[in-house]
Structures are given as structure tokens and as C-alpha cells.
Amino acid sequence: MKLGLVLRELHRAETTLASDLLKTSDRHRAEHEVHHVARDLAAWSAAHVRAVAHAGRAYELNLGEDVPGPGPLAPLRTALSELSGRRPEPGILVLADLRRLHRRAAGVSLDWELLAQAAQAAKDSDLLELATRCHPQTLRQLKWTNAMLKVLSPQILTS
């Protein structure tokens, strides 16, 4: 069985998504909804990382339970965000970040689907329950990025 591979990739993808959400939050403090909601969504991904790490133990995987913080550049990203405010240039950057998050969340969603299908085939009810519990939150992350792109893009791209 290759369920360990699926769990390892899902863990990596969720960790990266959480980290990217935190970085985006720091970079776009002037966009209050982006700043605050991205932090909430990062917490969901961090919880998923912990849950996948826990599930991986049954497959002899030693996956970390911690998501790296925004890193040493976080204060610089925050300062630049506050200095640039709502100028047009940061608007293009927020769209680029939201596109990146959307693609990343789509990949994580696909990984949850793969895990659910594999868990069903392997008759692993614990993994199936994990996917059933976590995947809807990933879908909400995906819907949020899509909605923010729809809301912000007309003004940013036509100004």
C-alpha cells in the first residue's frame, strides 16, 4: 500500500498552504479581510497538519506537527505592507498571492480526495474519517480565495 506516500504529500501540501497563508496575511495588512481571514485559514491548515501527522503514525511515518511561522522576514513584510497602504501596485501583488493560494488549496483538496478514495479502498475508517472531517475546510479555503479574487480583481485591474 502507498497510503504513506499520500499522507506524506498531504502533510507537505497542508504545511506549505499554512505557511503561504501566514505570509500573505503579513504582506497584505491593508486588506483587512485578506489579513484576518488568511490567519484563520492558516489555523485550519495547521490543525490538518497535526491530524495528518497523528494519522501517519499508524503507517510508521514521523511527520512533524508544527507549521513553520511566517519566518524572519515577517516584520519586513508587515512594515512594507503598512508603508504601501492601498496603492495600486500592492493590488496586483494581492491578486498574485490569492491566485497562488487558490492553486495551492486546489492541490490540497485533490490530495484529500486521493486520501479519501485510498482509505475507502483500504477499508481504513480512521483515514476516511480524517478526510471527511478536514476536506470541507479545504474546500472553504478554496472558495474564499476564489471569492476574494472575484471581489478584488475588477477594481484592481481596471484602475
N, C-alpha and C. Protein backbone atom coordinates (compact mmCIF):
# COMPACT_ATOMS: atom_id res chain seq x y z
N MET A 1 0.84 -1.20 0.00
CA MET A 1 0.00 0.00 0.00
C MET A 1 0.87 1.25 0.00
N LYS A 2 0.34 2.27 -0.61
CA LYS A 2 1.08 3.52 -0.72
C LYS A 2 0.39 4.66 0.02
N LEU A 3 -0.39 4.32 1.03
CA LEU A 3 -1.08 5.35 1.81
C LEU A 3 -0.09 6.27 2.50
N GLY A 4 1.07 5.75 2.87
CA GLY A 4 2.10 6.58 3.48
C GLY A 4 2.55 7.70 2.56
N LEU A 5 2.65 7.40 1.26
CA LEU A 5 3.02 8.43 0.28
C LEU A 5 1.97 9.53 0.21
N VAL A 6 0.72 9.12 0.22
CA VAL A 6 -0.38 10.10 0.17
C VAL A 6 -0.36 10.97 1.42
N LEU A 7 -0.18 10.35 2.57
CA LEU A 7 -0.13 11.11 3.82
C LEU A 7 1.06 12.07 3.85
N ARG A 8 2.20 11.61 3.37
CA ARG A 8 3.39 12.46 3.36
C ARG A 8 3.18 13.69 2.44
N GLU A 9 2.60 13.46 1.26
CA GLU A 9 2.35 14.57 0.33
C GLU A 9 1.29 15.52 0.88
N LEU A 10 0.25 14.97 1.48
CA LEU A 10 -0.80 15.81 2.06
C LEU A 10 -0.21 16.66 3.19
N HIS A 11 0.62 16.07 4.00
CA HIS A 11 1.28 16.79 5.10
C HIS A 11 2.12 17.94 4.55
N ARG A 12 2.91 17.67 3.52
CA ARG A 12 3.74 18.70 2.90
C ARG A 12 2.87 19.82 2.32
N ALA A 13 1.81 19.44 1.61
CA ALA A 13 0.95 20.42 0.96
C ALA A 13 0.22 21.29 1.99
N GLU A 14 -0.31 20.69 3.04
CA GLU A 14 -1.00 21.47 4.08
C GLU A 14 -0.02 22.40 4.81
N THR A 15 1.19 21.91 5.06
CA THR A 15 2.20 22.74 5.72
C THR A 15 2.53 23.96 4.86
N THR A 16 2.71 23.73 3.58
CA THR A 16 3.03 24.83 2.66
C THR A 16 1.86 25.81 2.56
N LEU A 17 0.64 25.29 2.50
CA LEU A 17 -0.53 26.17 2.43
C LEU A 17 -0.63 27.03 3.68
N ALA A 18 -0.44 26.44 4.85
CA ALA A 18 -0.50 27.21 6.09
C ALA A 18 0.56 28.30 6.10
N SER A 19 1.76 27.96 5.70
CA SER A 19 2.86 28.94 5.66
C SER A 19 2.56 30.06 4.66
N ASP A 20 2.06 29.70 3.49
CA ASP A 20 1.73 30.72 2.49
C ASP A 20 0.60 31.63 2.95
N LEU A 21 -0.38 31.07 3.64
CA LEU A 21 -1.47 31.89 4.17
C LEU A 21 -0.93 32.91 5.18
N LEU A 22 -0.02 32.49 6.05
CA LEU A 22 0.56 33.41 7.03
C LEU A 22 1.38 34.50 6.35
N LYS A 23 2.15 34.13 5.35
CA LYS A 23 2.95 35.13 4.62
C LYS A 23 2.04 36.13 3.90
N THR A 24 0.98 35.63 3.29
CA THR A 24 0.04 36.51 2.61
C THR A 24 -0.63 37.45 3.60
N SER A 25 -0.98 36.95 4.75
CA SER A 25 -1.57 37.78 5.79
C SER A 25 -0.63 38.92 6.19
N ASP A 26 0.64 38.59 6.38
CA ASP A 26 1.62 39.62 6.75
C ASP A 26 1.82 40.64 5.64
N ARG A 27 1.80 40.17 4.41
CA ARG A 27 2.08 41.05 3.27
C ARG A 27 0.94 42.01 2.98
N HIS A 28 -0.28 41.68 3.39
CA HIS A 28 -1.43 42.47 2.98
C HIS A 28 -2.26 42.94 4.18
N ARG A 29 -1.59 43.57 5.12
CA ARG A 29 -2.29 44.09 6.30
C ARG A 29 -3.33 45.15 5.94
N ALA A 30 -3.08 45.90 4.88
CA ALA A 30 -4.01 46.96 4.48
C ALA A 30 -5.34 46.39 3.96
N GLU A 31 -5.30 45.19 3.43
CA GLU A 31 -6.52 44.50 3.01
C GLU A 31 -6.99 43.69 4.21
N HIS A 32 -7.83 44.30 5.03
CA HIS A 32 -8.17 43.72 6.32
C HIS A 32 -8.77 42.32 6.21
N GLU A 33 -9.64 42.10 5.24
CA GLU A 33 -10.23 40.77 5.14
C GLU A 33 -9.17 39.74 4.78
N VAL A 34 -8.29 40.08 3.85
CA VAL A 34 -7.22 39.16 3.49
C VAL A 34 -6.35 38.88 4.71
N HIS A 35 -5.98 39.92 5.41
CA HIS A 35 -5.10 39.76 6.56
C HIS A 35 -5.71 38.84 7.62
N HIS A 36 -6.93 39.12 8.02
CA HIS A 36 -7.53 38.38 9.14
C HIS A 36 -8.02 36.99 8.73
N VAL A 37 -8.68 36.88 7.60
CA VAL A 37 -9.21 35.57 7.19
C VAL A 37 -8.06 34.62 6.85
N ALA A 38 -7.01 35.12 6.22
CA ALA A 38 -5.87 34.25 5.90
C ALA A 38 -5.28 33.64 7.18
N ARG A 39 -5.25 34.39 8.24
CA ARG A 39 -4.74 33.86 9.51
C ARG A 39 -5.66 32.75 10.04
N ASP A 40 -6.97 32.97 9.96
CA ASP A 40 -7.91 31.94 10.39
C ASP A 40 -7.77 30.67 9.55
N LEU A 41 -7.63 30.84 8.25
CA LEU A 41 -7.50 29.69 7.36
C LEU A 41 -6.18 28.97 7.58
N ALA A 42 -5.14 29.71 7.93
CA ALA A 42 -3.85 29.09 8.25
C ALA A 42 -3.98 28.21 9.49
N ALA A 43 -4.80 28.63 10.43
CA ALA A 43 -5.02 27.82 11.64
C ALA A 43 -5.69 26.49 11.28
N TRP A 44 -6.61 26.52 10.32
CA TRP A 44 -7.23 25.28 9.87
C TRP A 44 -6.18 24.34 9.29
N SER A 45 -5.34 24.88 8.43
CA SER A 45 -4.31 24.04 7.81
C SER A 45 -3.33 23.52 8.86
N ALA A 46 -3.01 24.33 9.84
CA ALA A 46 -2.12 23.87 10.92
C ALA A 46 -2.75 22.71 11.68
N ALA A 47 -4.06 22.79 11.92
CA ALA A 47 -4.76 21.68 12.58
C ALA A 47 -4.75 20.43 11.70
N HIS A 48 -4.87 20.62 10.39
CA HIS A 48 -4.81 19.49 9.46
C HIS A 48 -3.43 18.85 9.50
N VAL A 49 -2.39 19.67 9.57
CA VAL A 49 -1.02 19.15 9.64
C VAL A 49 -0.87 18.25 10.86
N ARG A 50 -1.36 18.73 11.99
CA ARG A 50 -1.27 17.92 13.22
C ARG A 50 -2.05 16.61 13.09
N ALA A 51 -3.23 16.69 12.49
CA ALA A 51 -4.07 15.49 12.34
C ALA A 51 -3.43 14.48 11.38
N VAL A 52 -2.85 14.96 10.30
CA VAL A 52 -2.19 14.07 9.35
C VAL A 52 -0.95 13.45 9.99
N ALA A 53 -0.20 14.25 10.75
CA ALA A 53 0.98 13.72 11.44
C ALA A 53 0.57 12.61 12.40
N HIS A 54 -0.51 12.82 13.11
CA HIS A 54 -1.01 11.81 14.05
C HIS A 54 -1.43 10.54 13.29
N ALA A 55 -2.16 10.72 12.19
CA ALA A 55 -2.60 9.57 11.40
C ALA A 55 -1.42 8.83 10.79
N GLY A 56 -0.38 9.55 10.45
CA GLY A 56 0.80 8.94 9.84
C GLY A 56 1.51 7.95 10.74
N ARG A 57 1.34 8.08 12.04
CA ARG A 57 1.99 7.16 12.98
C ARG A 57 1.58 5.71 12.73
N ALA A 58 0.34 5.52 12.32
CA ALA A 58 -0.15 4.17 12.04
C ALA A 58 0.55 3.57 10.82
N TYR A 59 1.17 4.42 10.03
CA TYR A 59 1.89 3.98 8.83
C TYR A 59 3.40 4.16 8.99
N GLU A 60 3.82 4.24 10.26
CA GLU A 60 5.23 4.37 10.62
C GLU A 60 5.89 5.60 10.01
N LEU A 61 5.11 6.68 9.91
CA LEU A 61 5.63 7.95 9.43
C LEU A 61 5.90 8.86 10.61
N ASN A 62 6.98 9.56 10.56
CA ASN A 62 7.31 10.53 11.60
C ASN A 62 7.20 11.93 10.98
N LEU A 63 5.99 12.43 10.93
CA LEU A 63 5.71 13.74 10.33
C LEU A 63 5.61 14.78 11.43
N GLY A 64 6.20 15.92 11.20
CA GLY A 64 6.15 16.99 12.20
C GLY A 64 4.74 17.53 12.38
N GLU A 65 4.46 17.97 13.59
CA GLU A 65 3.13 18.51 13.88
C GLU A 65 3.09 20.03 13.85
N ASP A 66 4.23 20.66 13.70
CA ASP A 66 4.28 22.12 13.73
C ASP A 66 4.39 22.70 12.32
N VAL A 67 3.71 23.81 12.13
CA VAL A 67 3.83 24.58 10.89
C VAL A 67 4.82 25.69 11.16
N PRO A 68 5.81 25.85 10.28
CA PRO A 68 6.75 26.94 10.50
C PRO A 68 6.01 28.28 10.52
N GLY A 69 6.46 29.17 11.36
CA GLY A 69 5.88 30.50 11.42
C GLY A 69 6.18 31.28 10.16
N PRO A 70 5.78 32.53 10.12
CA PRO A 70 5.99 33.32 8.92
C PRO A 70 7.46 33.60 8.62
N GLY A 71 8.33 33.30 9.56
CA GLY A 71 9.76 33.42 9.30
C GLY A 71 10.34 34.77 9.69
N PRO A 72 11.65 34.90 9.51
CA PRO A 72 12.34 36.11 9.96
C PRO A 72 11.99 37.35 9.14
N LEU A 73 11.42 37.16 7.96
CA LEU A 73 11.07 38.30 7.12
C LEU A 73 9.69 38.87 7.43
N ALA A 74 8.96 38.25 8.35
CA ALA A 74 7.61 38.70 8.67
C ALA A 74 7.55 40.17 9.06
N PRO A 75 8.44 40.67 9.93
CA PRO A 75 8.37 42.10 10.27
C PRO A 75 8.61 43.00 9.06
N LEU A 76 9.48 42.58 8.16
CA LEU A 76 9.73 43.37 6.95
C LEU A 76 8.50 43.37 6.06
N ARG A 77 7.86 42.21 5.87
CA ARG A 77 6.64 42.16 5.06
C ARG A 77 5.56 43.04 5.66
N THR A 78 5.43 43.01 6.98
CA THR A 78 4.43 43.83 7.66
C THR A 78 4.73 45.31 7.48
N ALA A 79 5.97 45.69 7.67
CA ALA A 79 6.35 47.10 7.52
C ALA A 79 6.10 47.59 6.09
N LEU A 80 6.48 46.79 5.12
CA LEU A 80 6.25 47.18 3.72
C LEU A 80 4.76 47.28 3.42
N SER A 81 3.98 46.38 3.98
CA SER A 81 2.54 46.42 3.78
C SER A 81 1.95 47.71 4.33
N GLU A 82 2.38 48.09 5.53
CA GLU A 82 1.86 49.30 6.16
C GLU A 82 2.32 50.55 5.41
N LEU A 83 3.53 50.56 4.89
CA LEU A 83 4.03 51.71 4.15
C LEU A 83 3.33 51.88 2.81
N SER A 84 3.06 50.78 2.14
CA SER A 84 2.47 50.88 0.80
C SER A 84 0.97 51.13 0.84
N GLY A 85 0.33 50.75 1.94
CA GLY A 85 -1.10 51.02 2.09
C GLY A 85 -1.92 50.45 0.97
N ARG A 86 -2.75 51.28 0.38
CA ARG A 86 -3.67 50.82 -0.66
C ARG A 86 -3.30 51.38 -2.03
N ARG A 87 -2.03 51.52 -2.30
CA ARG A 87 -1.59 51.95 -3.61
C ARG A 87 -1.95 50.88 -4.64
N PRO A 88 -1.99 51.22 -5.93
CA PRO A 88 -2.38 50.23 -6.93
C PRO A 88 -1.41 49.05 -7.06
N GLU A 89 -0.12 49.30 -6.88
CA GLU A 89 0.85 48.22 -7.06
C GLU A 89 0.61 47.05 -6.10
N PRO A 90 0.36 47.32 -4.81
CA PRO A 90 0.08 46.19 -3.92
C PRO A 90 -1.18 45.43 -4.33
N GLY A 91 -2.09 46.08 -5.05
CA GLY A 91 -3.29 45.39 -5.51
C GLY A 91 -2.94 44.23 -6.43
N ILE A 92 -2.01 44.46 -7.32
CA ILE A 92 -1.56 43.40 -8.23
C ILE A 92 -0.90 42.29 -7.41
N LEU A 93 -0.16 42.67 -6.39
CA LEU A 93 0.50 41.67 -5.55
C LEU A 93 -0.50 40.83 -4.77
N VAL A 94 -1.56 41.46 -4.28
CA VAL A 94 -2.56 40.68 -3.55
C VAL A 94 -3.26 39.70 -4.49
N LEU A 95 -3.51 40.13 -5.73
CA LEU A 95 -4.12 39.20 -6.68
C LEU A 95 -3.18 38.03 -6.97
N ALA A 96 -1.91 38.32 -7.12
CA ALA A 96 -0.93 37.25 -7.37
C ALA A 96 -0.89 36.28 -6.18
N ASP A 97 -0.90 36.82 -4.97
CA ASP A 97 -0.88 35.96 -3.78
C ASP A 97 -2.15 35.13 -3.68
N LEU A 98 -3.30 35.73 -3.97
CA LEU A 98 -4.56 34.99 -3.91
C LEU A 98 -4.61 33.89 -4.97
N ARG A 99 -4.08 34.18 -6.16
CA ARG A 99 -4.01 33.15 -7.20
C ARG A 99 -3.13 31.98 -6.74
N ARG A 100 -2.00 32.31 -6.13
CA ARG A 100 -1.09 31.27 -5.63
C ARG A 100 -1.78 30.43 -4.55
N LEU A 101 -2.47 31.12 -3.63
CA LEU A 101 -3.19 30.40 -2.58
C LEU A 101 -4.30 29.52 -3.16
N HIS A 102 -4.97 30.03 -4.17
CA HIS A 102 -6.05 29.27 -4.79
C HIS A 102 -5.51 27.98 -5.42
N ARG A 103 -4.44 28.10 -6.15
CA ARG A 103 -3.83 26.91 -6.76
C ARG A 103 -3.34 25.94 -5.69
N ARG A 104 -2.74 26.47 -4.64
CA ARG A 104 -2.23 25.62 -3.55
C ARG A 104 -3.40 24.90 -2.87
N ALA A 105 -4.49 25.61 -2.57
CA ALA A 105 -5.65 25.00 -1.93
C ALA A 105 -6.29 23.95 -2.84
N ALA A 106 -6.30 24.20 -4.15
CA ALA A 106 -6.83 23.22 -5.09
C ALA A 106 -6.01 21.92 -5.03
N GLY A 107 -4.69 22.06 -4.93
CA GLY A 107 -3.84 20.88 -4.82
C GLY A 107 -4.09 20.12 -3.53
N VAL A 108 -4.26 20.86 -2.44
CA VAL A 108 -4.54 20.21 -1.15
C VAL A 108 -5.90 19.50 -1.22
N SER A 109 -6.87 20.12 -1.84
CA SER A 109 -8.18 19.49 -1.99
C SER A 109 -8.07 18.18 -2.76
N LEU A 110 -7.30 18.18 -3.81
CA LEU A 110 -7.09 16.96 -4.58
C LEU A 110 -6.43 15.88 -3.72
N ASP A 111 -5.46 16.29 -2.90
CA ASP A 111 -4.80 15.32 -2.01
C ASP A 111 -5.79 14.72 -1.01
N TRP A 112 -6.71 15.53 -0.49
CA TRP A 112 -7.73 14.99 0.42
C TRP A 112 -8.62 13.99 -0.32
N GLU A 113 -8.95 14.30 -1.57
CA GLU A 113 -9.76 13.36 -2.37
C GLU A 113 -9.03 12.04 -2.56
N LEU A 114 -7.75 12.12 -2.89
CA LEU A 114 -6.96 10.90 -3.07
C LEU A 114 -6.91 10.08 -1.79
N LEU A 115 -6.71 10.76 -0.67
CA LEU A 115 -6.67 10.05 0.60
C LEU A 115 -8.00 9.38 0.90
N ALA A 116 -9.10 10.09 0.66
CA ALA A 116 -10.42 9.51 0.93
C ALA A 116 -10.66 8.28 0.06
N GLN A 117 -10.31 8.37 -1.21
CA GLN A 117 -10.52 7.23 -2.10
C GLN A 117 -9.65 6.04 -1.69
N ALA A 118 -8.39 6.32 -1.36
CA ALA A 118 -7.49 5.25 -0.93
C ALA A 118 -7.94 4.64 0.39
N ALA A 119 -8.39 5.49 1.31
CA ALA A 119 -8.86 4.99 2.61
C ALA A 119 -10.07 4.09 2.43
N GLN A 120 -10.97 4.47 1.52
CA GLN A 120 -12.13 3.62 1.25
C GLN A 120 -11.70 2.27 0.69
N ALA A 121 -10.78 2.31 -0.27
CA ALA A 121 -10.32 1.07 -0.89
C ALA A 121 -9.61 0.17 0.12
N ALA A 122 -8.86 0.79 1.03
CA ALA A 122 -8.12 0.03 2.04
C ALA A 122 -8.97 -0.30 3.26
N LYS A 123 -10.20 0.20 3.27
CA LYS A 123 -11.10 -0.01 4.40
C LYS A 123 -10.50 0.51 5.70
N ASP A 124 -9.86 1.69 5.59
CA ASP A 124 -9.27 2.35 6.76
C ASP A 124 -10.24 3.45 7.21
N SER A 125 -11.09 3.11 8.16
CA SER A 125 -12.13 4.04 8.59
C SER A 125 -11.57 5.28 9.27
N ASP A 126 -10.42 5.17 9.93
CA ASP A 126 -9.82 6.33 10.59
C ASP A 126 -9.36 7.36 9.56
N LEU A 127 -8.71 6.89 8.50
CA LEU A 127 -8.27 7.83 7.46
C LEU A 127 -9.45 8.42 6.71
N LEU A 128 -10.45 7.62 6.47
CA LEU A 128 -11.65 8.13 5.79
C LEU A 128 -12.33 9.20 6.65
N GLU A 129 -12.40 8.98 7.94
CA GLU A 129 -12.99 9.98 8.84
C GLU A 129 -12.17 11.25 8.83
N LEU A 130 -10.85 11.12 8.81
CA LEU A 130 -9.96 12.29 8.77
C LEU A 130 -10.22 13.11 7.51
N ALA A 131 -10.26 12.44 6.37
CA ALA A 131 -10.51 13.15 5.11
C ALA A 131 -11.90 13.78 5.10
N THR A 132 -12.88 13.06 5.61
CA THR A 132 -14.26 13.57 5.65
C THR A 132 -14.37 14.79 6.55
N ARG A 133 -13.58 14.83 7.60
CA ARG A 133 -13.60 15.95 8.54
C ARG A 133 -12.84 17.16 8.01
N CYS A 134 -11.68 16.94 7.40
CA CYS A 134 -10.80 18.05 7.02
C CYS A 134 -11.06 18.62 5.62
N HIS A 135 -11.45 17.77 4.68
CA HIS A 135 -11.60 18.23 3.31
C HIS A 135 -12.60 19.38 3.16
N PRO A 136 -13.73 19.38 3.85
CA PRO A 136 -14.65 20.51 3.71
C PRO A 136 -14.01 21.87 4.07
N GLN A 137 -13.11 21.88 5.04
CA GLN A 137 -12.44 23.14 5.38
C GLN A 137 -11.52 23.58 4.25
N THR A 138 -10.86 22.64 3.61
CA THR A 138 -10.03 22.98 2.47
C THR A 138 -10.89 23.53 1.34
N LEU A 139 -12.05 22.94 1.13
CA LEU A 139 -12.95 23.47 0.10
C LEU A 139 -13.39 24.89 0.44
N ARG A 140 -13.58 25.18 1.72
CA ARG A 140 -13.93 26.55 2.12
C ARG A 140 -12.76 27.50 1.89
N GLN A 141 -11.53 27.03 2.11
CA GLN A 141 -10.36 27.85 1.79
C GLN A 141 -10.34 28.18 0.30
N LEU A 142 -10.61 27.19 -0.51
CA LEU A 142 -10.63 27.35 -1.96
C LEU A 142 -11.72 28.33 -2.37
N LYS A 143 -12.89 28.20 -1.79
CA LYS A 143 -14.00 29.12 -2.11
C LYS A 143 -13.67 30.54 -1.69
N TRP A 144 -12.99 30.70 -0.56
CA TRP A 144 -12.64 32.05 -0.10
C TRP A 144 -11.65 32.70 -1.07
N THR A 145 -10.63 31.98 -1.49
CA THR A 145 -9.67 32.59 -2.42
C THR A 145 -10.37 32.97 -3.72
N ASN A 146 -11.25 32.10 -4.19
CA ASN A 146 -11.98 32.39 -5.42
C ASN A 146 -12.86 33.64 -5.25
N ALA A 147 -13.57 33.72 -4.14
CA ALA A 147 -14.43 34.87 -3.88
C ALA A 147 -13.62 36.16 -3.77
N MET A 148 -12.48 36.11 -3.08
CA MET A 148 -11.65 37.31 -2.95
C MET A 148 -11.11 37.76 -4.31
N LEU A 149 -10.73 36.82 -5.13
CA LEU A 149 -10.27 37.18 -6.48
C LEU A 149 -11.40 37.86 -7.26
N LYS A 150 -12.61 37.36 -7.13
CA LYS A 150 -13.75 37.96 -7.84
C LYS A 150 -14.06 39.36 -7.31
N VAL A 151 -13.95 39.54 -6.00
CA VAL A 151 -14.26 40.82 -5.38
C VAL A 151 -13.20 41.88 -5.70
N LEU A 152 -11.93 41.49 -5.57
CA LEU A 152 -10.86 42.47 -5.69
C LEU A 152 -10.40 42.73 -7.13
N SER A 153 -10.51 41.75 -8.00
CA SER A 153 -9.93 41.91 -9.33
C SER A 153 -10.55 43.01 -10.18
N PRO A 154 -11.85 43.23 -10.19
CA PRO A 154 -12.39 44.28 -11.07
C PRO A 154 -11.79 45.67 -10.76
N GLN A 155 -11.77 46.03 -9.50
CA GLN A 155 -11.26 47.35 -9.14
C GLN A 155 -9.76 47.45 -9.39
N ILE A 156 -9.03 46.42 -9.00
CA ILE A 156 -7.57 46.46 -9.13
C ILE A 156 -7.15 46.48 -10.60
N LEU A 157 -7.80 45.66 -11.40
CA LEU A 157 -7.39 45.51 -12.80
C LEU A 157 -7.90 46.62 -13.71
N THR A 158 -8.89 47.37 -13.27
CA THR A 158 -9.39 48.46 -14.12
C THR A 158 -9.03 49.84 -13.63
N SER A 159 -8.27 49.92 -12.55
CA SER A 159 -7.90 51.27 -12.05
C SER A 159 -6.56 51.70 -12.62
